[in-house]
Amino acid sequence: MGHGGPGWEVDLVTGLRCHRCTGEVVCAVRVPHSFLRADGTEVGGTRLVALCPDCDRGRAGAAPVIAYFRAHGQVIADRVEELAGLLREWVADVGPARVGELEHSAR
């Protein structure tokens, strides 16, 4: 669908299951991340963060995206700009600093 931030990709998906509850997610975002190995080499990659209507419903940035999909069930062509704005808000809420927190809360 587009980018939410530098190097981020928002993918609208169907059939993807939440790793926390196994429910179906409404969309997912790939965010860049990196870590340093013991020898000091930086290793980069991407991490997939999914939006689950059950697990994420209490998150401020997620609630409007979930509401959009509950109301429309799909991307509506004449409402793409609205959805893009909602996705930007959600992506800002799950930025790289938040990704680690989300993974830890799932355990």
Protein backbone atom coordinates (compact mmCIF):
# COMPACT_ATOMS: atom_id res chain seq x y z
CA MET A 1 0.00 0.00 0.00
CA GLY A 2 2.86 2.34 0.64
CA HIS A 3 5.32 3.57 3.20
CA GLY A 4 4.57 4.70 6.71
CA GLY A 5 8.09 5.76 7.55
CA PRO A 6 11.65 5.41 6.28
CA GLY A 7 11.99 1.89 4.94
CA TRP A 8 8.61 0.76 6.26
CA GLU A 9 6.19 -1.17 4.10
CA VAL A 10 2.53 -1.52 4.94
CA ASP A 11 1.01 -4.67 3.47
CA LEU A 12 -2.69 -5.37 3.51
CA VAL A 13 -2.95 -9.09 4.07
CA THR A 14 -5.56 -11.79 4.26
CA GLY A 15 -5.19 -15.10 5.95
CA LEU A 16 -2.26 -14.06 8.17
CA ARG A 17 -2.63 -15.25 11.76
CA CYS A 18 -1.66 -13.30 14.86
CA HIS A 19 1.36 -14.82 16.61
CA ARG A 20 -0.19 -13.83 19.96
CA CYS A 21 -3.71 -15.27 19.75
CA THR A 22 -3.85 -17.01 16.31
CA GLY A 23 -6.73 -14.75 15.22
CA GLU A 24 -6.74 -13.24 11.73
CA VAL A 25 -4.94 -9.90 11.34
CA VAL A 26 -6.20 -6.96 9.26
CA CYS A 27 -2.81 -5.72 8.05
CA ALA A 28 0.89 -5.93 8.75
CA VAL A 29 3.86 -3.58 8.59
CA ARG A 30 7.50 -4.43 7.91
CA VAL A 31 9.81 -2.21 9.93
CA PRO A 32 13.58 -2.09 9.60
CA HIS A 33 15.65 -3.12 12.59
CA SER A 34 19.26 -3.90 13.34
CA PHE A 35 21.43 -5.29 16.08
CA LEU A 36 25.13 -5.51 16.84
CA ARG A 37 26.79 -8.91 16.91
CA ALA A 38 29.41 -9.65 19.56
CA ASP A 39 32.15 -8.83 17.04
CA GLY A 40 30.67 -5.33 16.50
CA THR A 41 29.15 -6.04 13.09
CA GLU A 42 25.75 -4.47 12.58
CA VAL A 43 23.16 -6.85 11.14
CA GLY A 44 20.06 -5.32 9.58
CA GLY A 45 16.78 -6.71 8.46
CA THR A 46 13.06 -6.23 8.73
CA ARG A 47 10.52 -7.36 11.24
CA LEU A 48 6.84 -7.96 10.51
CA VAL A 49 4.37 -6.41 12.95
CA ALA A 50 0.75 -7.45 12.48
CA LEU A 51 -2.39 -5.60 13.51
CA CYS A 52 -4.74 -7.98 15.31
CA PRO A 53 -8.24 -6.68 16.01
CA ASP A 54 -8.36 -8.62 19.28
CA CYS A 55 -4.86 -8.14 20.69
CA ASP A 56 -4.39 -4.53 19.54
CA ARG A 57 -7.87 -3.06 20.03
CA GLY A 58 -6.76 -1.06 23.09
CA ARG A 59 -3.90 0.69 21.29
CA ALA A 60 -4.77 4.25 20.31
CA GLY A 61 -3.18 4.05 16.85
CA ALA A 62 -4.74 0.68 16.09
CA ALA A 63 -8.35 1.36 17.02
CA PRO A 64 -9.19 3.58 13.99
CA VAL A 65 -7.63 1.09 11.52
CA ILE A 66 -9.56 -1.78 13.09
CA ALA A 67 -12.75 0.31 12.96
CA TYR A 68 -12.14 1.07 9.25
CA PHE A 69 -11.86 -2.63 8.39
CA ARG A 70 -14.84 -3.56 10.55
CA ALA A 71 -16.93 -0.91 8.78
CA HIS A 72 -15.75 -1.61 5.22
CA GLY A 73 -14.28 -5.11 5.28
CA GLN A 74 -11.76 -4.11 2.61
CA VAL A 75 -9.94 -1.15 1.10
CA ILE A 76 -12.46 1.20 -0.50
CA ALA A 77 -11.00 2.99 -3.53
CA ASP A 78 -12.52 6.39 -2.78
CA ARG A 79 -11.41 6.16 0.89
CA VAL A 80 -7.75 5.23 0.30
CA GLU A 81 -6.49 8.59 1.58
CA GLU A 82 -8.48 8.15 4.79
CA LEU A 83 -7.02 4.68 5.29
CA ALA A 84 -3.50 5.92 4.51
CA GLY A 85 -3.81 8.53 7.27
CA LEU A 86 -5.05 5.93 9.74
CA LEU A 87 -2.22 3.57 8.82
CA ARG A 88 0.35 6.35 9.29
CA GLU A 89 -0.95 6.89 12.83
CA TRP A 90 -0.79 3.18 13.62
CA VAL A 91 2.68 2.79 12.08
CA ALA A 92 3.91 5.71 14.20
CA ASP A 93 2.61 3.83 17.26
CA VAL A 94 4.52 0.66 16.33
CA GLY A 95 7.82 2.28 15.32
CA PRO A 96 11.09 0.42 15.81
CA ALA A 97 11.27 1.24 19.53
CA ARG A 98 7.80 -0.23 20.04
CA VAL A 99 8.40 -3.42 18.04
CA GLY A 100 10.53 -4.97 20.79
CA GLU A 101 7.89 -4.06 23.37
CA LEU A 102 5.16 -5.70 21.30
CA GLU A 103 7.19 -8.88 20.95
CA HIS A 104 7.88 -9.03 24.68
CA SER A 105 4.20 -8.47 25.53
CA ALA A 106 3.31 -11.46 23.37
CA ARG A 107 5.38 -13.84 25.47
